[in-house]
Protein backbone atom coordinates (compact mmCIF):
# COMPACT_ATOMS: atom_id res chain seq x y z
CA MET A 1 -70.12 126.65 115.95
CA PRO A 2 -70.91 123.40 117.94
CA ILE A 3 -70.81 123.76 121.64
CA ARG A 4 -68.26 121.28 122.31
CA ILE A 5 -65.81 122.98 119.67
CA LYS A 6 -66.78 126.26 121.35
CA ALA A 7 -66.08 125.17 124.91
CA ALA A 8 -62.59 123.47 123.66
CA LEU A 9 -61.60 126.64 122.15
CA LEU A 10 -62.39 128.56 125.14
CA LEU A 11 -60.07 126.08 127.31
CA PHE A 12 -57.39 126.23 124.85
CA LEU A 13 -57.54 130.23 124.98
CA ALA A 14 -57.47 130.13 128.97
CA ALA A 15 -54.58 127.69 129.10
CA ALA A 16 -52.39 129.83 126.64
CA TRP A 17 -53.35 132.72 128.69
CA GLY A 18 -52.30 131.14 131.89
CA CYS A 19 -49.08 130.06 130.42
CA THR A 20 -47.78 133.43 129.65
CA HIS A 21 -49.56 135.39 132.68
CA ALA A 22 -49.68 133.10 135.28
CA ARG A 23 -49.37 134.29 138.89
CA ALA A 24 -46.29 133.32 140.93
CA LEU A 25 -47.15 131.25 143.76
CA PRO A 26 -47.06 132.87 147.24
CA GLU A 27 -44.00 130.94 148.14
CA GLU A 28 -42.03 131.74 145.00
CA ALA A 29 -39.34 134.48 145.35
CA GLY A 30 -39.57 136.82 142.41
CA GLU A 31 -38.63 140.07 140.85
CA VAL A 32 -40.17 142.10 138.19
CA ILE A 33 -37.59 143.35 135.27
CA GLU A 34 -37.54 145.40 132.10
CA VAL A 35 -35.27 144.10 129.39
CA GLU A 36 -35.26 144.25 125.72
CA GLY A 37 -34.84 141.18 122.98
CA TRP A 38 -33.44 141.55 119.62
CA ALA A 39 -33.73 139.40 116.55
CA PRO A 40 -32.94 139.86 113.00
CA VAL A 41 -35.98 140.31 110.78
CA ASP A 42 -36.77 137.60 108.50
CA PRO A 43 -39.23 138.72 105.71
CA GLN A 44 -40.37 135.14 105.17
CA ASP A 45 -41.27 134.46 108.93
CA PRO A 46 -42.60 137.52 110.81
CA VAL A 47 -44.18 135.21 113.53
CA GLY A 48 -40.94 133.49 113.89
CA THR A 49 -38.73 136.77 114.05
CA ARG A 50 -40.93 138.13 116.90
CA GLN A 51 -40.85 134.98 118.74
CA ARG A 52 -37.16 134.78 118.38
CA ALA A 53 -37.04 138.42 119.81
CA LEU A 54 -39.24 137.49 122.48
CA VAL A 55 -36.88 134.48 123.75
CA MET A 56 -33.99 136.69 123.59
CA ALA A 57 -35.56 139.14 125.83
CA GLN A 58 -36.60 136.52 128.68
CA LYS A 59 -32.81 135.46 128.14
CA SER A 60 -31.81 138.83 128.84
CA ALA A 61 -33.88 139.20 131.98
CA VAL A 62 -32.42 135.88 133.51
CA GLU A 63 -28.92 136.78 132.53
CA ARG A 64 -29.41 140.27 134.41
CA VAL A 65 -30.42 138.16 137.49
CA VAL A 66 -27.66 135.68 137.24
CA GLY A 67 -25.30 138.66 137.60
CA VAL A 68 -26.82 139.45 140.67
CA TYR A 69 -25.97 136.12 142.07
CA VAL A 70 -22.55 135.50 140.22
CA SER A 71 -19.61 137.90 139.73
CA ALA A 72 -18.62 138.71 136.38
CA LYS A 73 -15.44 136.60 136.71
CA THR A 74 -17.29 133.63 138.00
CA ARG A 75 -19.51 134.19 134.82
CA VAL A 76 -16.97 133.88 132.40
CA ASP A 77 -15.06 131.16 133.99
CA ALA A 78 -18.26 129.29 134.18
CA ALA A 79 -19.92 130.14 130.69
CA VAL A 80 -20.49 126.78 129.53
CA VAL A 81 -22.28 125.61 132.77
CA VAL A 82 -24.29 128.63 132.89
CA ASP A 83 -25.35 128.39 129.32
CA GLN A 84 -26.36 124.43 129.63
CA LYS A 85 -27.80 124.59 132.96
CA ILE A 86 -29.46 127.90 133.19
CA LEU A 87 -29.78 130.12 130.14
CA ALA A 88 -30.74 126.90 128.19
CA ARG A 89 -34.16 126.56 129.98
CA VAL A 90 -35.06 130.20 130.69
CA ASP A 91 -38.96 129.38 130.60
CA GLY A 92 -38.21 127.72 133.97
CA TYR A 93 -37.36 131.16 135.53
CA VAL A 94 -39.94 133.54 133.85
CA ARG A 95 -43.11 133.22 135.43
CA ARG A 96 -44.98 135.51 133.25
CA TYR A 97 -44.15 138.53 131.05
CA ASP A 98 -45.69 141.53 129.26
CA VAL A 99 -44.76 143.09 125.89
CA LEU A 100 -44.33 146.91 126.58
CA ASP A 101 -43.14 147.80 123.12
CA GLU A 102 -42.16 146.52 119.86
CA LYS A 103 -40.36 148.10 116.97
CA GLU A 104 -38.24 147.59 113.70
CA GLU A 105 -34.77 149.30 113.12
CA ALA A 106 -32.47 148.56 110.48
CA GLY A 107 -33.59 145.30 110.01
CA ILE A 108 -33.64 144.19 113.76
CA ARG A 109 -36.85 143.52 115.39
CA LYS A 110 -36.96 144.90 119.09
CA VAL A 111 -39.15 143.71 121.68
CA ARG A 112 -39.13 145.25 125.39
CA ILE A 113 -40.87 143.14 128.05
CA ARG A 114 -41.72 143.51 131.79
CA ALA A 115 -40.92 139.86 133.13
CA PHE A 116 -41.33 138.40 136.57
CA ILE A 117 -38.27 136.35 137.15
CA LEU A 118 -38.05 133.56 139.88
CA HIS A 119 -34.81 134.49 141.38
CA GLY A 120 -35.40 132.42 144.13
CA LYS A 121 -35.53 129.14 141.99
CA LEU A 122 -32.54 130.82 139.96
CA GLY A 123 -30.60 131.04 143.06
CA GLU A 124 -31.17 127.53 144.04
CA ASP A 125 -30.24 126.20 141.02
CA LEU A 126 -26.94 128.25 140.89
CA ARG A 127 -25.66 127.08 144.03
CA SER A 128 -26.66 123.58 143.05
CA ALA A 129 -24.35 124.04 139.99
CA GLY A 130 -21.69 125.22 142.51
CA LEU A 131 -21.78 128.70 140.83
CA SER A 132 -23.22 130.77 143.71
CA GLN A 133 -21.73 129.95 147.20
CA SER A 134 -21.67 131.80 150.50
CA GLY A 135 -18.41 134.14 150.67
CA PRO A 136 -15.67 133.32 153.38
CA VAL A 137 -16.53 134.43 156.92
CA PRO A 138 -14.37 136.96 158.52
CA GLY A 139 -10.70 136.01 158.52
CA ASN A 140 -11.67 132.57 156.50
CA PRO A 141 -11.22 130.42 159.93
CA ARG A 142 -10.47 126.62 159.80
CA VAL A 143 -12.91 124.83 161.88
CA SER A 144 -12.77 121.56 163.56
CA VAL A 145 -15.87 119.67 165.03
CA ARG A 146 -16.07 117.07 167.77
CA ILE A 147 -19.22 116.01 169.22
CA LEU A 148 -19.11 113.02 171.86
CA ASP A 149 -22.07 110.86 172.62
CA ARG A 150 -22.64 111.00 176.49
CA SER A 151 -25.58 108.56 176.35
CA GLY A 152 -23.33 105.56 175.12
CA LYS A 153 -25.86 104.25 172.80
CA SER A 154 -23.82 104.21 169.48
CA PRO A 155 -20.94 105.68 167.93
CA ASN A 156 -23.14 106.55 164.83
CA LEU A 157 -24.75 109.32 166.99
CA GLU A 158 -21.33 111.23 167.49
CA ARG A 159 -20.76 111.11 163.40
CA ALA A 160 -24.57 112.40 162.91
CA ALA A 161 -24.28 115.01 165.24
CA SER A 162 -20.78 116.26 164.21
CA GLY A 163 -21.84 115.63 160.43
CA ALA A 164 -25.01 117.97 160.70
CA ILE A 165 -23.03 120.91 162.18
CA ARG A 166 -20.24 120.32 159.43
CA ARG A 167 -22.77 120.70 156.58
CA GLN A 168 -24.16 123.74 158.00
CA LEU A 169 -20.92 125.28 158.52
CA VAL A 170 -19.76 124.52 154.93
CA GLU A 171 -23.00 125.75 153.39
CA ARG A 172 -22.28 128.99 155.39
CA GLY A 173 -18.50 129.57 154.06
CA PHE A 174 -16.45 127.90 156.77
CA THR A 175 -13.56 126.14 156.00
CA VAL A 176 -14.14 122.72 157.98
CA ILE A 177 -11.12 120.40 158.06
CA GLU A 178 -11.34 116.81 158.65
CA GLU A 179 -11.20 114.88 161.96
CA GLY A 180 -8.08 113.83 163.89
CA GLU A 181 -5.59 115.18 166.48
CA GLU A 182 -3.26 116.46 163.68
CA SER A 183 -6.13 118.28 161.91
CA ALA A 184 -7.64 119.68 165.19
CA ALA A 185 -4.05 121.28 165.70
CA ARG A 186 -4.46 123.24 162.37
CA ALA A 187 -7.87 124.38 163.10
CA ASP A 188 -8.32 128.15 164.25
CA LEU A 189 -11.91 127.56 165.81
CA VAL A 190 -12.80 124.36 167.50
CA VAL A 191 -16.36 123.33 167.94
CA SER A 192 -16.86 120.79 170.89
CA GLY A 193 -19.48 119.36 172.61
CA GLU A 194 -21.82 116.42 173.42
CA VAL A 195 -24.77 114.58 172.57
CA GLN A 196 -27.54 112.78 174.49
CA VAL A 197 -30.20 110.66 173.04
CA SER A 198 -33.40 109.29 175.40
CA GLU A 199 -36.40 107.53 174.23
CA ILE A 200 -39.96 108.96 174.24
CA VAL A 201 -42.08 106.41 175.72
CA ASP A 202 -45.73 106.80 174.62
CA GLU A 203 -48.26 103.90 174.31
CA ARG A 204 -50.24 105.55 171.54
CA LEU A 205 -47.24 105.35 168.97
CA ARG A 206 -48.14 101.75 168.33
CA GLY A 207 -45.01 100.22 166.56
CA PHE A 208 -43.22 103.45 166.23
CA HIS A 209 -40.16 104.63 168.11
CA SER A 210 -39.73 108.27 169.38
CA SER A 211 -36.38 109.78 170.53
CA ARG A 212 -35.26 113.20 171.78
CA ALA A 213 -31.79 114.45 171.32
CA ARG A 214 -30.16 116.98 173.43
CA LEU A 215 -26.99 118.40 171.84
CA ARG A 216 -24.65 121.12 173.59
CA ALA A 217 -21.84 122.86 172.09
CA GLN A 218 -19.22 125.65 171.92
CA VAL A 219 -17.14 127.15 169.68
CA LYS A 220 -13.47 128.25 170.88
CA GLN A 221 -10.61 130.10 169.52
CA ARG A 222 -7.79 127.45 169.50
CA GLU A 223 -4.97 129.64 170.26
CA THR A 224 -6.24 131.78 172.88
CA GLY A 225 -9.18 129.64 174.35
CA ALA A 226 -11.81 132.49 174.06
CA VAL A 227 -15.43 131.04 173.84
CA LEU A 228 -17.08 132.81 171.18
CA ALA A 229 -20.41 131.01 171.12
CA GLU A 230 -22.19 128.37 173.47
CA LYS A 231 -25.56 126.83 172.62
CA THR A 232 -27.95 123.94 173.33
CA GLN A 233 -30.66 122.63 171.34
CA GLU A 234 -33.34 119.64 171.67
CA ALA A 235 -34.99 118.07 168.67
CA SER A 236 -37.20 114.95 168.58
CA ALA A 237 -37.94 112.26 165.81
CA MET A 238 -40.07 109.21 165.34
CA ASP A 239 -39.60 106.06 163.07
CA VAL A 240 -40.43 102.37 163.04
CA ALA A 241 -36.55 101.73 163.75
CA ALA A 242 -35.37 103.08 167.04
CA PRO A 243 -31.61 103.70 165.54
CA VAL A 244 -33.18 105.71 162.85
CA ALA A 245 -35.30 107.65 165.06
CA ASP A 246 -32.13 108.49 166.89
CA ASP A 247 -30.18 109.53 164.01
CA LYS A 248 -32.86 111.75 162.70
CA ALA A 249 -33.30 113.67 166.23
CA VAL A 250 -29.62 113.84 166.32
CA ASP A 251 -29.27 115.34 162.57
CA THR A 252 -32.28 117.82 163.26
CA ALA A 253 -30.65 118.94 166.58
CA GLY A 254 -27.53 119.42 165.00
CA GLN A 255 -28.65 121.33 162.21
CA MET A 256 -30.54 123.82 164.43
CA LEU A 257 -27.80 124.17 166.72
CA ALA A 258 -25.16 124.82 163.85
CA GLU A 259 -27.71 127.70 162.77
CA MET A 260 -27.86 129.33 165.97
CA LEU A 261 -23.92 129.19 166.67
CA ILE A 262 -23.23 130.54 162.94
CA ALA A 263 -25.78 133.48 163.82
CA GLU A 264 -23.68 134.29 166.84
CA LEU A 265 -20.45 133.44 165.36
CA ALA A 266 -20.71 135.48 162.52
CA GLY A 267 -21.07 138.72 164.40
CA ARG A 268 -18.47 137.69 167.00
CA LEU A 269 -15.79 137.29 164.26
CA ARG A 270 -16.61 140.64 162.75
CA ALA A 271 -16.52 142.52 165.93
CA LEU A 272 -13.34 140.45 166.98
CA GLY A 273 -11.15 142.80 164.92
CA SER A 274 -8.13 141.47 167.18
CA LEU A 275 -4.93 139.49 166.18
CA LEU A 276 -2.52 137.48 168.51
CA VAL A 277 1.15 138.64 167.43
CA ARG A 278 3.91 136.39 168.66
CA VAL A 279 7.56 137.45 168.15
CA HIS A 280 10.13 134.86 168.69
CA GLY A 281 13.72 135.61 169.32
CA ALA A 282 13.30 138.99 171.06
CA ARG A 283 16.57 139.73 173.22
CA GLY A 284 15.43 141.54 176.11
CA LEU A 285 12.53 143.86 177.10
CA LEU A 286 14.12 147.23 175.61
CA GLU A 287 13.78 145.11 172.07
CA VAL A 288 10.04 144.08 172.83
CA GLU A 289 9.40 147.48 173.63
CA ARG A 290 10.90 148.81 170.42
CA ILE A 291 8.53 146.11 168.72
CA VAL A 292 5.75 147.06 170.45
CA GLU A 293 6.10 150.62 169.75
CA GLY A 294 6.69 149.82 166.14
CA LEU A 295 3.42 148.00 166.03
CA ARG A 296 1.68 151.28 167.72
CA THR A 297 3.19 153.39 164.93
CA LEU A 298 1.05 151.38 162.16
CA PRO A 299 -2.23 153.32 161.39
CA GLU A 300 -3.91 150.10 160.88
CA ALA A 301 -3.23 149.00 164.61
CA SER A 302 -5.58 150.87 167.02
CA ALA A 303 -4.43 149.21 170.02
CA VAL A 304 -1.58 146.99 171.09
CA THR A 305 -1.02 145.14 174.32
CA LEU A 306 1.80 143.02 175.56
CA LEU A 307 0.27 139.88 177.04
CA GLU A 308 3.60 138.09 177.89
CA TYR A 309 6.94 137.91 177.44
CA ARG A 310 8.95 134.73 178.42
CA ASN A 311 11.89 132.75 176.92
CA GLY A 312 12.42 135.01 174.17
CA VAL A 313 9.05 135.08 172.84
CA ALA A 314 6.71 138.11 173.28
CA GLU A 315 3.04 137.80 172.72
CA MET A 316 0.94 140.98 172.02
CA SER A 317 -2.59 141.31 171.29
CA VAL A 318 -3.09 143.67 168.32
CA SER A 319 -6.68 145.59 167.82
CA ALA A 320 -6.83 145.67 163.62
CA ALA A 321 -10.27 145.55 162.57
CA GLY A 322 -10.54 145.65 159.09
CA ILE A 323 -7.34 143.72 157.89
CA SER A 324 -6.25 140.23 158.08
CA SER A 325 -3.14 138.70 159.72
CA GLU A 326 -1.79 138.46 156.26
CA GLU A 327 -2.34 142.06 155.59
CA LEU A 328 -0.75 143.12 158.97
CA ALA A 329 2.33 141.04 158.01
CA ALA A 330 2.97 142.45 154.70
CA ILE A 331 2.64 146.20 156.20
CA TRP A 332 5.00 145.11 158.95
CA VAL A 333 7.58 143.70 156.55
CA LYS A 334 7.41 146.54 154.39
CA THR A 335 8.07 149.29 157.33
CA LYS A 336 10.96 147.53 158.96
CA LYS A 337 10.50 148.88 162.55
CA PRO A 338 12.11 146.95 163.76
CA PRO A 339 12.73 144.41 160.89
CA LEU A 340 11.16 141.08 161.53
CA ALA A 341 10.87 137.99 159.24
CA LEU A 342 7.67 136.09 158.83
CA ARG A 343 7.44 132.69 160.33
CA SER A 344 4.03 131.95 160.19
CA LEU A 345 0.56 132.90 159.86
CA SER A 346 -3.07 132.05 160.18
CA PRO A 347 -6.47 133.97 160.13
CA TYR A 348 -5.91 135.25 163.85
CA VAL A 349 -2.19 134.56 164.82
CA LEU A 350 0.85 136.20 163.17
CA GLU A 351 4.19 134.49 163.95
CA LEU A 352 7.35 136.80 163.40
CA GLU A 353 11.13 136.40 164.53
CA THR A 354 13.56 138.84 165.29
CA VAL A 355 16.44 139.23 162.37
CA PRO A 356 20.06 139.06 163.59
């Protein structure tokens, strides 16, 4: 066999081996899964039969990982999206596979493989398709964000800072409401703070502008005023245009700050386990006492403290870790000790009213 033909054949075999047995890159997140694929036997096409069984095995491996990221209900509801955007190109998620066993039973070709699935890439694609989102944070609070520019450079900086924080909050499962006083009044948590931007003077930049952004923000419960998290973050950026450098620095600082706030906030919300219960129309302290004692008889309420009673309104702090205000309201209305009517509720505040 001529040398050139022999060399070309070796290269072809090496490439074919690499396609099936390529190693995952170090940064690729993957997992080894063993599955079986089936295909009806076609006596006229044994090679095609085996290939179809292999394809089904790879598809089964990808489907198994999809089931980890997506609930069964979501999988059924979005079957078309999953089939078209994920399962139609399973080769993009199977980095390599090895055939463990092959057999024929009752006219069915069965092939068992061990496949290395790129679950990191699969998870990203599922999120991009809107099928795998972060679950709601404890209490599913509504959050408003308002950052003010203390440097007085441009209103765009306020929008850039607020926008960066909002994006991170939404990505992590928070419900972010639009700007405005009316919207802020509906928020359960309020993120407020200020941003300052300064120029970094360096002669070595030669035509480039460098900016440093300093962003400070805190998260409060709107109803109680309690500070749940407070952080400060700085970031720098460079661009040929000064305004662009400012925006880049603010955006980076906002994203980093939001990540720190979220990390602290999630833990605080899980540990908070406290609801503010406000009862309207209480006729005297004796009735308030009966209401408080009624709450204390509930097994779900580990502690009940009367905070204030004024003008017929009683405010109580109820430690009820593990249940929401909606669940507590349902339990209370059912027990009728004493009878109270539901007035309104939010994740951390339950408004009740006495029944005449």
